PDB file of N, CA and C in Angstrom:
ATOM      1  N   GLN A   1    -148.449  -2.472 241.009  1.00  0.00           N
ATOM      2  CA  GLN A   1    -148.014  -3.437 241.992  1.00  0.00           C
ATOM      3  C   GLN A   1    -146.906  -4.304 241.422  1.00  0.00           C
ATOM      4  N   VAL A   2    -146.194  -4.930 242.314  1.00  0.00           N
ATOM      5  CA  VAL A   2    -145.129  -5.835 241.929  1.00  0.00           C
ATOM      6  C   VAL A   2    -145.680  -7.262 241.923  1.00  0.00           C
ATOM      7  N   GLN A   3    -145.239  -8.070 240.970  1.00  0.00           N
ATOM      8  CA  GLN A   3    -145.653  -9.468 240.906  1.00  0.00           C
ATOM      9  C   GLN A   3    -144.575 -10.327 241.571  1.00  0.00           C
ATOM     10  N   LEU A   4    -145.016 -11.298 242.361  1.00  0.00           N
ATOM     11  CA  LEU A   4    -144.100 -12.101 243.167  1.00  0.00           C
ATOM     12  C   LEU A   4    -144.309 -13.580 242.892  1.00  0.00           C
ATOM     13  N   VAL A   5    -143.219 -14.306 242.760  1.00  0.00           N
ATOM     14  CA  VAL A   5    -143.277 -15.752 242.542  1.00  0.00           C
ATOM     15  C   VAL A   5    -142.313 -16.438 243.497  1.00  0.00           C
ATOM     16  N   GLU A   6    -142.868 -17.304 244.358  1.00  0.00           N
ATOM     17  CA  GLU A   6    -142.036 -18.041 245.310  1.00  0.00           C
ATOM     18  C   GLU A   6    -141.584 -19.375 244.728  1.00  0.00           C
ATOM     19  N   SER A   7    -140.488 -19.868 245.240  1.00  0.00           N
ATOM     20  CA  SER A   7    -139.992 -21.189 244.871  1.00  0.00           C
ATOM     21  C   SER A   7    -139.125 -21.709 246.009  1.00  0.00           C
ATOM     22  N   GLY A   8    -138.796 -22.995 245.941  1.00  0.00           N
ATOM     23  CA  GLY A   8    -137.880 -23.566 246.914  1.00  0.00           C
ATOM     24  C   GLY A   8    -138.527 -24.396 247.999  1.00  0.00           C
ATOM     25  N   GLY A   9    -139.860 -24.438 248.013  1.00  0.00           N
ATOM     26  CA  GLY A   9    -140.519 -25.253 249.007  1.00  0.00           C
ATOM     27  C   GLY A   9    -140.322 -26.737 248.716  1.00  0.00           C
ATOM     28  N   GLY A  10    -140.750 -27.555 249.660  1.00  0.00           N
ATOM     29  CA  GLY A  10    -140.628 -28.990 249.484  1.00  0.00           C
ATOM     30  C   GLY A  10    -140.799 -29.715 250.790  1.00  0.00           C
ATOM     31  N   MET A  11    -140.374 -30.974 250.790  1.00  0.00           N
ATOM     32  CA  MET A  11    -140.483 -31.803 251.972  1.00  0.00           C
ATOM     33  C   MET A  11    -139.087 -32.065 252.525  1.00  0.00           C
ATOM     34  N   VAL A  12    -138.964 -31.932 253.835  1.00  0.00           N
ATOM     35  CA  VAL A  12    -137.669 -32.127 254.485  1.00  0.00           C
ATOM     36  C   VAL A  12    -137.904 -32.772 255.841  1.00  0.00           C
ATOM     37  N   GLN A  13    -136.922 -33.485 256.328  1.00  0.00           N
ATOM     38  CA  GLN A  13    -137.031 -34.078 257.661  1.00  0.00           C
ATOM     39  C   GLN A  13    -136.729 -33.038 258.733  1.00  0.00           C
ATOM     40  N   ALA A  14    -137.255 -33.271 259.901  1.00  0.00           N
ATOM     41  CA  ALA A  14    -136.986 -32.380 261.031  1.00  0.00           C
ATOM     42  C   ALA A  14    -135.479 -32.228 261.229  1.00  0.00           C
ATOM     43  N   GLY A  15    -135.068 -31.000 261.479  1.00  0.00           N
ATOM     44  CA  GLY A  15    -133.653 -30.698 261.619  1.00  0.00           C
ATOM     45  C   GLY A  15    -132.989 -30.276 260.325  1.00  0.00           C
ATOM     46  N   GLY A  16    -133.677 -30.442 259.223  1.00  0.00           N
ATOM     47  CA  GLY A  16    -133.125 -30.095 257.924  1.00  0.00           C
ATOM     48  C   GLY A  16    -133.282 -28.626 257.599  1.00  0.00           C
ATOM     49  N   SER A  17    -132.887 -28.280 256.370  1.00  0.00           N
ATOM     50  CA  SER A  17    -132.891 -26.885 255.927  1.00  0.00           C
ATOM     51  C   SER A  17    -133.548 -26.757 254.563  1.00  0.00           C
ATOM     52  N   LEU A  18    -134.088 -25.597 254.322  1.00  0.00           N
ATOM     53  CA  LEU A  18    -134.606 -25.210 253.007  1.00  0.00           C
ATOM     54  C   LEU A  18    -134.318 -23.738 252.798  1.00  0.00           C
ATOM     55  N   ARG A  19    -134.146 -23.347 251.538  1.00  0.00           N
ATOM     56  CA  ARG A  19    -134.050 -21.937 251.214  1.00  0.00           C
ATOM     57  C   ARG A  19    -135.168 -21.585 250.231  1.00  0.00           C
ATOM     58  N   LEU A  20    -136.019 -20.688 250.667  1.00  0.00           N
ATOM     59  CA  LEU A  20    -137.085 -20.185 249.805  1.00  0.00           C
ATOM     60  C   LEU A  20    -136.600 -18.949 249.062  1.00  0.00           C
ATOM     61  N   SER A  21    -137.086 -18.823 247.841  1.00  0.00           N
ATOM     62  CA  SER A  21    -136.781 -17.646 247.027  1.00  0.00           C
ATOM     63  C   SER A  21    -138.074 -17.007 246.577  1.00  0.00           C
ATOM     64  N   CYS A  22    -138.029 -15.717 246.393  1.00  0.00           N
ATOM     65  CA  CYS A  22    -139.181 -14.967 245.872  1.00  0.00           C
ATOM     66  C   CYS A  22    -138.638 -13.952 244.882  1.00  0.00           C
ATOM     67  N   THR A  23    -139.028 -14.095 243.630  1.00  0.00           N
ATOM     68  CA  THR A  23    -138.550 -13.213 242.582  1.00  0.00           C
ATOM     69  C   THR A  23    -139.655 -12.254 242.180  1.00  0.00           C
ATOM     70  N   ALA A  24    -139.300 -10.999 242.074  1.00  0.00           N
ATOM     71  CA  ALA A  24    -140.256  -9.937 241.778  1.00  0.00           C
ATOM     72  C   ALA A  24    -140.112  -9.446 240.354  1.00  0.00           C
ATOM     73  N   SER A  25    -141.228  -8.964 239.807  1.00  0.00           N
ATOM     74  CA  SER A  25    -141.220  -8.338 238.490  1.00  0.00           C
ATOM     75  C   SER A  25    -142.304  -7.283 238.445  1.00  0.00           C
ATOM     76  N   GLY A  26    -142.196  -6.393 237.495  1.00  0.00           N
ATOM     77  CA  GLY A  26    -143.245  -5.422 237.258  1.00  0.00           C
ATOM     78  C   GLY A  26    -142.958  -4.037 237.788  1.00  0.00           C
ATOM     79  N   ARG A  27    -142.288  -3.912 238.896  1.00  0.00           N
ATOM     80  CA  ARG A  27    -141.937  -2.619 239.452  1.00  0.00           C
ATOM     81  C   ARG A  27    -140.518  -2.705 240.011  1.00  0.00           C
ATOM     82  N   THR A  28    -139.976  -1.576 240.396  1.00  0.00           N
ATOM     83  CA  THR A  28    -138.612  -1.552 240.900  1.00  0.00           C
ATOM     84  C   THR A  28    -138.541  -2.225 242.259  1.00  0.00           C
ATOM     85  N   PHE A  29    -137.871  -3.367 242.280  1.00  0.00           N
ATOM     86  CA  PHE A  29    -137.814  -4.196 243.490  1.00  0.00           C
ATOM     87  C   PHE A  29    -137.228  -3.436 244.665  1.00  0.00           C
ATOM     88  N   SER A  30    -136.245  -2.628 244.424  1.00  0.00           N
ATOM     89  CA  SER A  30    -135.534  -1.961 245.517  1.00  0.00           C
ATOM     90  C   SER A  30    -136.387  -0.921 246.228  1.00  0.00           C
ATOM     91  N   TYR A  31    -137.575  -0.601 245.690  1.00  0.00           N
ATOM     92  CA  TYR A  31    -138.468   0.344 246.359  1.00  0.00           C
ATOM     93  C   TYR A  31    -139.202  -0.295 247.536  1.00  0.00           C
ATOM     94  N   TYR A  32    -139.194  -1.626 247.607  1.00  0.00           N
ATOM     95  CA  TYR A  32    -140.090  -2.336 248.501  1.00  0.00           C
ATOM     96  C   TYR A  32    -139.398  -2.969 249.704  1.00  0.00           C
ATOM     97  N   ASP A  33    -140.064  -2.836 250.855  1.00  0.00           N
ATOM     98  CA  ASP A  33    -139.778  -3.741 251.958  1.00  0.00           C
ATOM     99  C   ASP A  33    -140.363  -5.097 251.559  1.00  0.00           C
ATOM    100  N   MET A  34    -139.703  -6.167 251.962  1.00  0.00           N
ATOM    101  CA  MET A  34    -140.169  -7.504 251.614  1.00  0.00           C
ATOM    102  C   MET A  34    -140.401  -8.334 252.868  1.00  0.00           C
ATOM    103  N   GLY A  35    -141.388  -9.207 252.799  1.00  0.00           N
ATOM    104  CA  GLY A  35    -141.691 -10.036 253.951  1.00  0.00           C
ATOM    105  C   GLY A  35    -142.033 -11.463 253.568  1.00  0.00           C
ATOM    106  N   TRP A  36    -141.942 -12.323 254.556  1.00  0.00           N
ATOM    107  CA  TRP A  36    -142.391 -13.713 254.444  1.00  0.00           C
ATOM    108  C   TRP A  36    -143.442 -13.957 255.523  1.00  0.00           C
ATOM    109  N   PHE A  37    -144.499 -14.626 255.118  1.00  0.00           N
ATOM    110  CA  PHE A  37    -145.567 -15.026 256.018  1.00  0.00           C
ATOM    111  C   PHE A  37    -145.833 -16.506 255.785  1.00  0.00           C
ATOM    112  N   ARG A  38    -146.568 -17.125 256.702  1.00  0.00           N
ATOM    113  CA  ARG A  38    -146.914 -18.530 256.494  1.00  0.00           C
ATOM    114  C   ARG A  38    -148.316 -18.785 257.038  1.00  0.00           C
ATOM    115  N   GLN A  39    -148.917 -19.835 256.503  1.00  0.00           N
ATOM    116  CA  GLN A  39    -150.238 -20.249 256.972  1.00  0.00           C
ATOM    117  C   GLN A  39    -150.313 -21.759 256.975  1.00  0.00           C
ATOM    118  N   ALA A  40    -150.551 -22.307 258.143  1.00  0.00           N
ATOM    119  CA  ALA A  40    -150.726 -23.738 258.303  1.00  0.00           C
ATOM    120  C   ALA A  40    -152.210 -24.068 258.232  1.00  0.00           C
ATOM    121  N   PRO A  41    -152.555 -25.297 257.888  1.00  0.00           N
ATOM    122  CA  PRO A  41    -153.970 -25.678 257.792  1.00  0.00           C
ATOM    123  C   PRO A  41    -154.714 -25.400 259.095  1.00  0.00           C
ATOM    124  N   GLY A  42    -155.853 -24.719 258.970  1.00  0.00           N
ATOM    125  CA  GLY A  42    -156.673 -24.436 260.134  1.00  0.00           C
ATOM    126  C   GLY A  42    -156.177 -23.315 261.013  1.00  0.00           C
ATOM    127  N   LYS A  43    -155.092 -22.655 260.598  1.00  0.00           N
ATOM    128  CA  LYS A  43    -154.535 -21.569 261.392  1.00  0.00           C
ATOM    129  C   LYS A  43    -154.528 -20.275 260.601  1.00  0.00           C
ATOM    130  N   GLU A  44    -154.400 -19.165 261.331  1.00  0.00           N
ATOM    131  CA  GLU A  44    -154.315 -17.872 260.679  1.00  0.00           C
ATOM    132  C   GLU A  44    -152.909 -17.664 260.103  1.00  0.00           C
ATOM    133  N   ARG A  45    -152.859 -16.800 259.117  1.00  0.00           N
ATOM    134  CA  ARG A  45    -151.559 -16.449 258.551  1.00  0.00           C
ATOM    135  C   ARG A  45    -150.726 -15.731 259.601  1.00  0.00           C
ATOM    136  N   GLU A  46    -149.436 -16.049 259.668  1.00  0.00           N
ATOM    137  CA  GLU A  46    -148.584 -15.413 260.661  1.00  0.00           C
ATOM    138  C   GLU A  46    -147.320 -14.861 260.010  1.00  0.00           C
ATOM    139  N   PHE A  47    -146.800 -13.829 260.618  1.00  0.00           N
ATOM    140  CA  PHE A  47    -145.588 -13.165 260.173  1.00  0.00           C
ATOM    141  C   PHE A  47    -144.368 -14.031 260.457  1.00  0.00           C
ATOM    142  N   VAL A  48    -143.496 -14.144 259.464  1.00  0.00           N
ATOM    143  CA  VAL A  48    -142.272 -14.912 259.613  1.00  0.00           C
ATOM    144  C   VAL A  48    -141.047 -13.994 259.695  1.00  0.00           C
ATOM    145  N   ALA A  49    -140.906 -13.112 258.701  1.00  0.00           N
ATOM    146  CA  ALA A  49    -139.729 -12.247 258.653  1.00  0.00           C
ATOM    147  C   ALA A  49    -139.977 -11.102 257.681  1.00  0.00           C
ATOM    148  N   ARG A  50    -139.211 -10.021 257.855  1.00  0.00           N
ATOM    149  CA  ARG A  50    -139.267  -8.952 256.877  1.00  0.00           C
ATOM    150  C   ARG A  50    -137.904  -8.271 256.817  1.00  0.00           C
ATOM    151  N   ILE A  51    -137.664  -7.640 255.676  1.00  0.00           N
ATOM    152  CA  ILE A  51    -136.414  -6.913 255.468  1.00  0.00           C
ATOM    153  C   ILE A  51    -136.762  -5.593 254.799  1.00  0.00           C
ATOM    154  N   THR A  52    -136.107  -4.523 255.223  1.00  0.00           N
ATOM    155  CA  THR A  52    -136.385  -3.209 254.657  1.00  0.00           C
ATOM    156  C   THR A  52    -135.808  -3.077 253.251  1.00  0.00           C
ATOM    157  N   ARG A  53    -136.236  -2.040 252.545  1.00  0.00           N
ATOM    158  CA  ARG A  53    -135.794  -1.855 251.176  1.00  0.00           C
ATOM    159  C   ARG A  53    -134.286  -1.701 251.084  1.00  0.00           C
ATOM    160  N   SER A  54    -133.692  -1.143 252.115  1.00  0.00           N
ATOM    161  CA  SER A  54    -132.236  -0.962 252.105  1.00  0.00           C
ATOM    162  C   SER A  54    -131.492  -2.227 252.494  1.00  0.00           C
ATOM    163  N   GLY A  55    -132.201  -3.166 253.110  1.00  0.00           N
ATOM    164  CA  GLY A  55    -131.555  -4.369 253.615  1.00  0.00           C
ATOM    165  C   GLY A  55    -130.881  -4.180 254.955  1.00  0.00           C
ATOM    166  N   SER A  56    -131.006  -2.980 255.532  1.00  0.00           N
ATOM    167  CA  SER A  56    -130.278  -2.680 256.762  1.00  0.00           C
ATOM    168  C   SER A  56    -130.989  -3.155 258.012  1.00  0.00           C
ATOM    169  N   SER A  57    -132.275  -3.471 257.889  1.00  0.00           N
ATOM    170  CA  SER A  57    -133.040  -3.872 259.067  1.00  0.00           C
ATOM    171  C   SER A  57    -133.882  -5.099 258.748  1.00  0.00           C
ATOM    172  N   THR A  58    -133.871  -6.036 259.678  1.00  0.00           N
ATOM    173  CA  THR A  58    -134.689  -7.235 259.550  1.00  0.00           C
ATOM    174  C   THR A  58    -135.465  -7.454 260.842  1.00  0.00           C
ATOM    175  N   ALA A  59    -136.527  -8.219 260.742  1.00  0.00           N
ATOM    176  CA  ALA A  59    -137.316  -8.579 261.911  1.00  0.00           C
ATOM    177  C   ALA A  59    -137.877  -9.976 261.694  1.00  0.00           C
ATOM    178  N   TYR A  60    -138.127 -10.673 262.814  1.00  0.00           N
ATOM    179  CA  TYR A  60    -138.573 -12.056 262.732  1.00  0.00           C
ATOM    180  C   TYR A  60    -139.700 -12.325 263.725  1.00  0.00           C
ATOM    181  N   GLY A  61    -140.535 -13.305 263.385  1.00  0.00           N
ATOM    182  CA  GLY A  61    -141.529 -13.761 264.320  1.00  0.00           C
ATOM    183  C   GLY A  61    -140.865 -14.415 265.526  1.00  0.00           C
ATOM    184  N   ASP A  62    -141.558 -14.373 266.651  1.00  0.00           N
ATOM    185  CA  ASP A  62    -140.975 -14.890 267.893  1.00  0.00           C
ATOM    186  C   ASP A  62    -140.592 -16.361 267.788  1.00  0.00           C
ATOM    187  N   PHE A  63    -141.328 -17.102 266.992  1.00  0.00           N
ATOM    188  CA  PHE A  63    -141.087 -18.543 266.915  1.00  0.00           C
ATOM    189  C   PHE A  63    -139.797 -18.880 266.154  1.00  0.00           C
ATOM    190  N   VAL A  64    -139.248 -17.915 265.413  1.00  0.00           N
ATOM    191  CA  VAL A  64    -138.071 -18.197 264.584  1.00  0.00           C
ATOM    192  C   VAL A  64    -136.857 -18.536 265.454  1.00  0.00           C
ATOM    193  N   LYS A  65    -136.629 -17.757 266.484  1.00  0.00           N
ATOM    194  CA  LYS A  65    -135.579 -18.038 267.477  1.00  0.00           C
ATOM    195  C   LYS A  65    -134.226 -18.353 266.828  1.00  0.00           C
ATOM    196  N   GLY A  66    -133.831 -17.522 265.869  1.00  0.00           N
ATOM    197  CA  GLY A  66    -132.514 -17.640 265.268  1.00  0.00           C
ATOM    198  C   GLY A  66    -132.375 -18.713 264.212  1.00  0.00           C
ATOM    199  N   ARG A  67    -133.437 -19.391 263.861  1.00  0.00           N
ATOM    200  CA  ARG A  67    -133.350 -20.481 262.900  1.00  0.00           C
ATOM    201  C   ARG A  67    -133.443 -20.018 261.448  1.00  0.00           C
ATOM    202  N   PHE A  68    -134.101 -18.890 261.202  1.00  0.00           N
ATOM    203  CA  PHE A  68    -134.335 -18.409 259.835  1.00  0.00           C
ATOM    204  C   PHE A  68    -133.560 -17.115 259.591  1.00  0.00           C
ATOM    205  N   THR A  69    -133.194 -16.895 258.340  1.00  0.00           N
ATOM    206  CA  THR A  69    -132.537 -15.659 257.953  1.00  0.00           C
ATOM    207  C   THR A  69    -133.156 -15.144 256.655  1.00  0.00           C
ATOM    208  N   ILE A  70    -133.592 -13.890 256.673  1.00  0.00           N
ATOM    209  CA  ILE A  70    -134.107 -13.255 255.459  1.00  0.00           C
ATOM    210  C   ILE A  70    -133.001 -12.394 254.855  1.00  0.00           C
ATOM    211  N   SER A  71    -132.926 -12.405 253.534  1.00  0.00           N
ATOM    212  CA  SER A  71    -131.934 -11.587 252.848  1.00  0.00           C
ATOM    213  C   SER A  71    -132.501 -11.206 251.482  1.00  0.00           C
ATOM    214  N   ARG A  72    -131.837 -10.257 250.820  1.00  0.00           N
ATOM    215  CA  ARG A  72    -132.306  -9.838 249.506  1.00  0.00           C
ATOM    216  C   ARG A  72    -131.126  -9.567 248.596  1.00  0.00           C
ATOM    217  N   ASP A  73    -131.375  -9.770 247.309  1.00  0.00           N
ATOM    218  CA  ASP A  73    -130.403  -9.474 246.269  1.00  0.00           C
ATOM    219  C   ASP A  73    -131.124  -8.613 245.244  1.00  0.00           C
ATOM    220  N   ASP A  74    -130.940  -7.310 245.335  1.00  0.00           N
ATOM    221  CA  ASP A  74    -131.660  -6.406 244.442  1.00  0.00           C
ATOM    222  C   ASP A  74    -131.236  -6.574 242.987  1.00  0.00           C
ATOM    223  N   ALA A  75    -130.032  -7.019 242.742  1.00  0.00           N
ATOM    224  CA  ALA A  75    -129.587  -7.245 241.368  1.00  0.00           C
ATOM    225  C   ALA A  75    -130.368  -8.374 240.707  1.00  0.00           C
ATOM    226  N   LYS A  76    -130.879  -9.283 241.533  1.00  0.00           N
ATOM    227  CA  LYS A  76    -131.662 -10.413 241.032  1.00  0.00           C
ATOM    228  C   LYS A  76    -133.152 -10.268 241.316  1.00  0.00           C
ATOM    229  N   ASN A  77    -133.542  -9.124 241.887  1.00  0.00           N
ATOM    230  CA  ASN A  77    -134.959  -8.893 242.240  1.00  0.00           C
ATOM    231  C   ASN A  77    -135.511 -10.032 243.093  1.00  0.00           C
ATOM    232  N   THR A  78    -134.723 -10.503 244.021  1.00  0.00           N
ATOM    233  CA  THR A  78    -135.081 -11.696 244.767  1.00  0.00           C
ATOM    234  C   THR A  78    -134.849 -11.502 246.263  1.00  0.00           C
ATOM    235  N   VAL A  79    -135.791 -12.024 247.032  1.00  0.00           N
ATOM    236  CA  VAL A  79    -135.646 -12.100 248.476  1.00  0.00           C
ATOM    237  C   VAL A  79    -135.618 -13.574 248.856  1.00  0.00           C
ATOM    238  N   TYR A  80    -134.817 -13.892 249.862  1.00  0.00           N
ATOM    239  CA  TYR A  80    -134.623 -15.272 250.279  1.00  0.00           C
ATOM    240  C   TYR A  80    -135.042 -15.456 251.728  1.00  0.00           C
ATOM    241  N   LEU A  81    -135.408 -16.697 252.053  1.00  0.00           N
ATOM    242  CA  LEU A  81    -135.622 -17.086 253.432  1.00  0.00           C
ATOM    243  C   LEU A  81    -134.873 -18.397 253.646  1.00  0.00           C
ATOM    244  N   GLN A  82    -133.758 -18.313 254.339  1.00  0.00           N
ATOM    245  CA  GLN A  82    -132.998 -19.499 254.696  1.00  0.00           C
ATOM    246  C   GLN A  82    -133.553 -20.053 255.988  1.00  0.00           C
ATOM    247  N   MET A  83    -134.003 -21.289 255.944  1.00  0.00           N
ATOM    248  CA  MET A  83    -134.630 -21.912 257.117  1.00  0.00           C
ATOM    249  C   MET A  83    -133.800 -23.108 257.551  1.00  0.00           C
ATOM    250  N   ASN A  84    -133.302 -23.059 258.762  1.00  0.00           N
ATOM    251  CA  ASN A  84    -132.502 -24.135 259.331  1.00  0.00           C
ATOM    252  C   ASN A  84    -133.215 -24.733 260.542  1.00  0.00           C
ATOM    253  N   SER A  85    -132.760 -25.894 260.955  1.00  0.00           N
ATOM    254  CA  SER A  85    -133.325 -26.554 262.140  1.00  0.00           C
ATOM    255  C   SER A  85    -134.840 -26.612 262.064  1.00  0.00           C
ATOM    256  N   LEU A  86    -135.348 -27.032 260.935  1.00  0.00           N
ATOM    257  CA  LEU A  86    -136.793 -27.052 260.731  1.00  0.00           C
ATOM    258  C   LEU A  86    -137.476 -28.049 261.640  1.00  0.00           C
ATOM    259  N   LYS A  87    -138.688 -27.697 262.040  1.00  0.00           N
ATOM    260  CA  LYS A  87    -139.500 -28.509 262.932  1.00  0.00           C
ATOM    261  C   LYS A  87    -140.802 -28.870 262.231  1.00  0.00           C
ATOM    262  N   PRO A  88    -141.452 -29.933 262.640  1.00  0.00           N
ATOM    263  CA  PRO A  88    -142.745 -30.271 262.026  1.00  0.00           C
ATOM    264  C   PRO A  88    -143.748 -29.133 262.114  1.00  0.00           C
ATOM    265  N   GLU A  89    -143.690 -28.337 263.165  1.00  0.00           N
ATOM    266  CA  GLU A  89    -144.624 -27.220 263.310  1.00  0.00           C
ATOM    267  C   GLU A  89    -144.333 -26.079 262.344  1.00  0.00           C
ATOM    268  N   ASP A  90    -143.238 -26.158 261.603  1.00  0.00           N
ATOM    269  CA  ASP A  90    -142.964 -25.179 260.548  1.00  0.00           C
ATOM    270  C   ASP A  90    -143.708 -25.516 259.255  1.00  0.00           C
ATOM    271  N   THR A  91    -144.370 -26.647 259.218  1.00  0.00           N
ATOM    272  CA  THR A  91    -145.132 -27.046 258.038  1.00  0.00           C
ATOM    273  C   THR A  91    -146.231 -26.028 257.757  1.00  0.00           C
ATOM    274  N   ALA A  92    -146.232 -25.479 256.541  1.00  0.00           N
ATOM    275  CA  ALA A  92    -147.184 -24.435 256.173  1.00  0.00           C
ATOM    276  C   ALA A  92    -146.964 -24.064 254.712  1.00  0.00           C
ATOM    277  N   VAL A  93    -147.875 -23.270 254.189  1.00  0.00           N
ATOM    278  CA  VAL A  93    -147.639 -22.584 252.922  1.00  0.00           C
ATOM    279  C   VAL A  93    -146.966 -21.262 253.254  1.00  0.00           C
ATOM    280  N   TYR A  94    -145.854 -21.000 252.605  1.00  0.00           N
ATOM    281  CA  TYR A  94    -145.084 -19.788 252.849  1.00  0.00           C
ATOM    282  C   TYR A  94    -145.328 -18.805 251.715  1.00  0.00           C
ATOM    283  N   TYR A  95    -145.640 -17.562 252.094  1.00  0.00           N
ATOM    284  CA  TYR A  95    -145.950 -16.522 251.136  1.00  0.00           C
ATOM    285  C   TYR A  95    -144.940 -15.384 251.229  1.00  0.00           C
ATOM    286  N   CYS A  96    -144.599 -14.876 250.075  1.00  0.00           N
ATOM    287  CA  CYS A  96    -143.774 -13.685 249.971  1.00  0.00           C
ATOM    288  C   CYS A  96    -144.704 -12.479 249.786  1.00  0.00           C
ATOM    289  N   ALA A  97    -144.314 -11.336 250.340  1.00  0.00           N
ATOM    290  CA  ALA A  97    -145.136 -10.143 250.217  1.00  0.00           C
ATOM    291  C   ALA A  97    -144.260  -8.908 250.118  1.00  0.00           C
ATOM    292  N   ALA A  98    -144.824  -7.852 249.544  1.00  0.00           N
ATOM    293  CA  ALA A  98    -144.099  -6.597 249.371  1.00  0.00           C
ATOM    294  C   ALA A  98    -144.938  -5.429 249.874  1.00  0.00           C
ATOM    295  N   ARG A  99    -144.250  -4.422 250.407  1.00  0.00           N
ATOM    296  CA  ARG A  99    -144.934  -3.187 250.799  1.00  0.00           C
ATOM    297  C   ARG A  99    -144.058  -2.004 250.420  1.00  0.00           C
ATOM    298  N   ALA A 100    -144.718  -0.869 250.220  1.00  0.00           N
ATOM    299  CA  ALA A 100    -144.006   0.309 249.717  1.00  0.00           C
ATOM    300  C   ALA A 100    -143.186   1.007 250.782  1.00  0.00           C
ATOM    301  N   GLY A 101    -143.422   0.694 252.047  1.00  0.00           N
ATOM    302  CA  GLY A 101    -142.664   1.318 253.116  1.00  0.00           C
ATOM    303  C   GLY A 101    -143.199   0.864 254.447  1.00  0.00           C
ATOM    304  N   ALA A 102    -142.565   1.312 255.506  1.00  0.00           N
ATOM    305  CA  ALA A 102    -142.886   0.831 256.851  1.00  0.00           C
ATOM    306  C   ALA A 102    -144.321   1.140 257.263  1.00  0.00           C
ATOM    307  N   TYR A 103    -144.919   2.176 256.676  1.00  0.00           N
ATOM    308  CA  TYR A 103    -146.266   2.574 257.069  1.00  0.00           C
ATOM    309  C   TYR A 103    -147.310   2.115 256.072  1.00  0.00           C
ATOM    310  N   SER A 104    -146.908   1.282 255.133  1.00  0.00           N
ATOM    311  CA  SER A 104    -147.833   0.728 254.156  1.00  0.00           C
ATOM    312  C   SER A 104    -148.113  -0.731 254.476  1.00  0.00           C
ATOM    313  N   PRO A 105    -149.276  -1.213 254.087  1.00  0.00           N
ATOM    314  CA  PRO A 105    -149.543  -2.636 254.294  1.00  0.00           C
ATOM    315  C   PRO A 105    -148.806  -3.476 253.253  1.00  0.00           C
ATOM    316  N   PHE A 106    -148.642  -4.750 253.548  1.00  0.00           N
ATOM    317  CA  PHE A 106    -148.122  -5.670 252.544  1.00  0.00           C
ATOM    318  C   PHE A 106    -149.253  -5.894 251.530  1.00  0.00           C
ATOM    319  N   GLY A 107    -149.133  -5.252 250.369  1.00  0.00           N
ATOM    320  CA  GLY A 107    -150.230  -5.252 249.411  1.00  0.00           C
ATOM    321  C   GLY A 107    -150.046  -6.162 248.219  1.00  0.00           C
ATOM    322  N   SER A 108    -148.835  -6.645 247.996  1.00  0.00           N
ATOM    323  CA  SER A 108    -148.577  -7.554 246.886  1.00  0.00           C
ATOM    324  C   SER A 108    -148.147  -8.893 247.473  1.00  0.00           C
ATOM    325  N   TRP A 109    -148.744  -9.952 246.951  1.00  0.00           N
ATOM    326  CA  TRP A 109    -148.503 -11.285 247.505  1.00  0.00           C
ATOM    327  C   TRP A 109    -148.205 -12.277 246.394  1.00  0.00           C
ATOM    328  N   GLY A 110    -147.375 -13.257 246.708  1.00  0.00           N
ATOM    329  CA  GLY A 110    -147.153 -14.365 245.807  1.00  0.00           C
ATOM    330  C   GLY A 110    -148.203 -15.447 246.013  1.00  0.00           C
ATOM    331  N   GLN A 111    -148.074 -16.519 245.252  1.00  0.00           N
ATOM    332  CA  GLN A 111    -149.062 -17.591 245.296  1.00  0.00           C
ATOM    333  C   GLN A 111    -148.771 -18.607 246.400  1.00  0.00           C
ATOM    334  N   GLY A 112    -147.589 -18.537 246.970  1.00  0.00           N
ATOM    335  CA  GLY A 112    -147.237 -19.424 248.066  1.00  0.00           C
ATOM    336  C   GLY A 112    -146.459 -20.639 247.613  1.00  0.00           C
ATOM    337  N   THR A 113    -145.671 -21.181 248.530  1.00  0.00           N
ATOM    338  CA  THR A 113    -144.934 -22.417 248.280  1.00  0.00           C
ATOM    339  C   THR A 113    -145.043 -23.291 249.528  1.00  0.00           C
ATOM    340  N   GLN A 114    -145.325 -24.563 249.315  1.00  0.00           N
ATOM    341  CA  GLN A 114    -145.570 -25.484 250.420  1.00  0.00           C
ATOM    342  C   GLN A 114    -144.251 -25.960 251.028  1.00  0.00           C
ATOM    343  N   VAL A 115    -144.188 -25.908 252.348  1.00  0.00           N
ATOM    344  CA  VAL A 115    -143.072 -26.478 253.108  1.00  0.00           C
ATOM    345  C   VAL A 115    -143.650 -27.530 254.039  1.00  0.00           C
ATOM    346  N   THR A 116    -143.135 -28.739 253.940  1.00  0.00           N
ATOM    347  CA  THR A 116    -143.583 -29.828 254.789  1.00  0.00           C
ATOM    348  C   THR A 116    -142.388 -30.424 255.511  1.00  0.00           C
ATOM    349  N   VAL A 117    -142.470 -30.452 256.830  1.00  0.00           N
ATOM    350  CA  VAL A 117    -141.382 -30.975 257.650  1.00  0.00           C
ATOM    351  C   VAL A 117    -141.880 -32.237 258.342  1.00  0.00           C
ATOM    352  N   SER A 118    -141.241 -33.346 258.063  1.00  0.00           N
ATOM    353  CA  SER A 118    -141.651 -34.617 258.657  1.00  0.00           C
ATOM    354  C   SER A 118    -140.821 -34.912 259.901  1.00  0.00           C
ATOM    355  N   SER A 119    -141.449 -35.608 260.822  1.00  0.00           N
ATOM    356  CA  SER A 119    -140.766 -35.930 262.085  1.00  0.00           C
ATOM    357  C   SER A 119    -140.008 -37.238 261.986  1.00  0.00           C
TER     358      SER A 119
END
């Protein structure tokens, strides 16, 4: 499995921006589709975004509505989540995850990074 470490979380005011990073180690990063998920207190984990191993295809949760962008830099073994126009309801722990392909589950997870958006 690949090991994942997220960073970049923090506290921001509504309307602000944050960029999350997730750096991978242990296996060849370019083999993996990468995703971002989040979990708010008392709620189930939800899908935020994913990018294919080639970087040619991305997908987003319905709530994103053009505010977030996922990208990857295979030379740095890193996937990013640029979050703009943040809302208080975006407050959650954000997790990075990896899967071996479109038909595999996200089996490797990071420890999460807290994002708090104040109104």
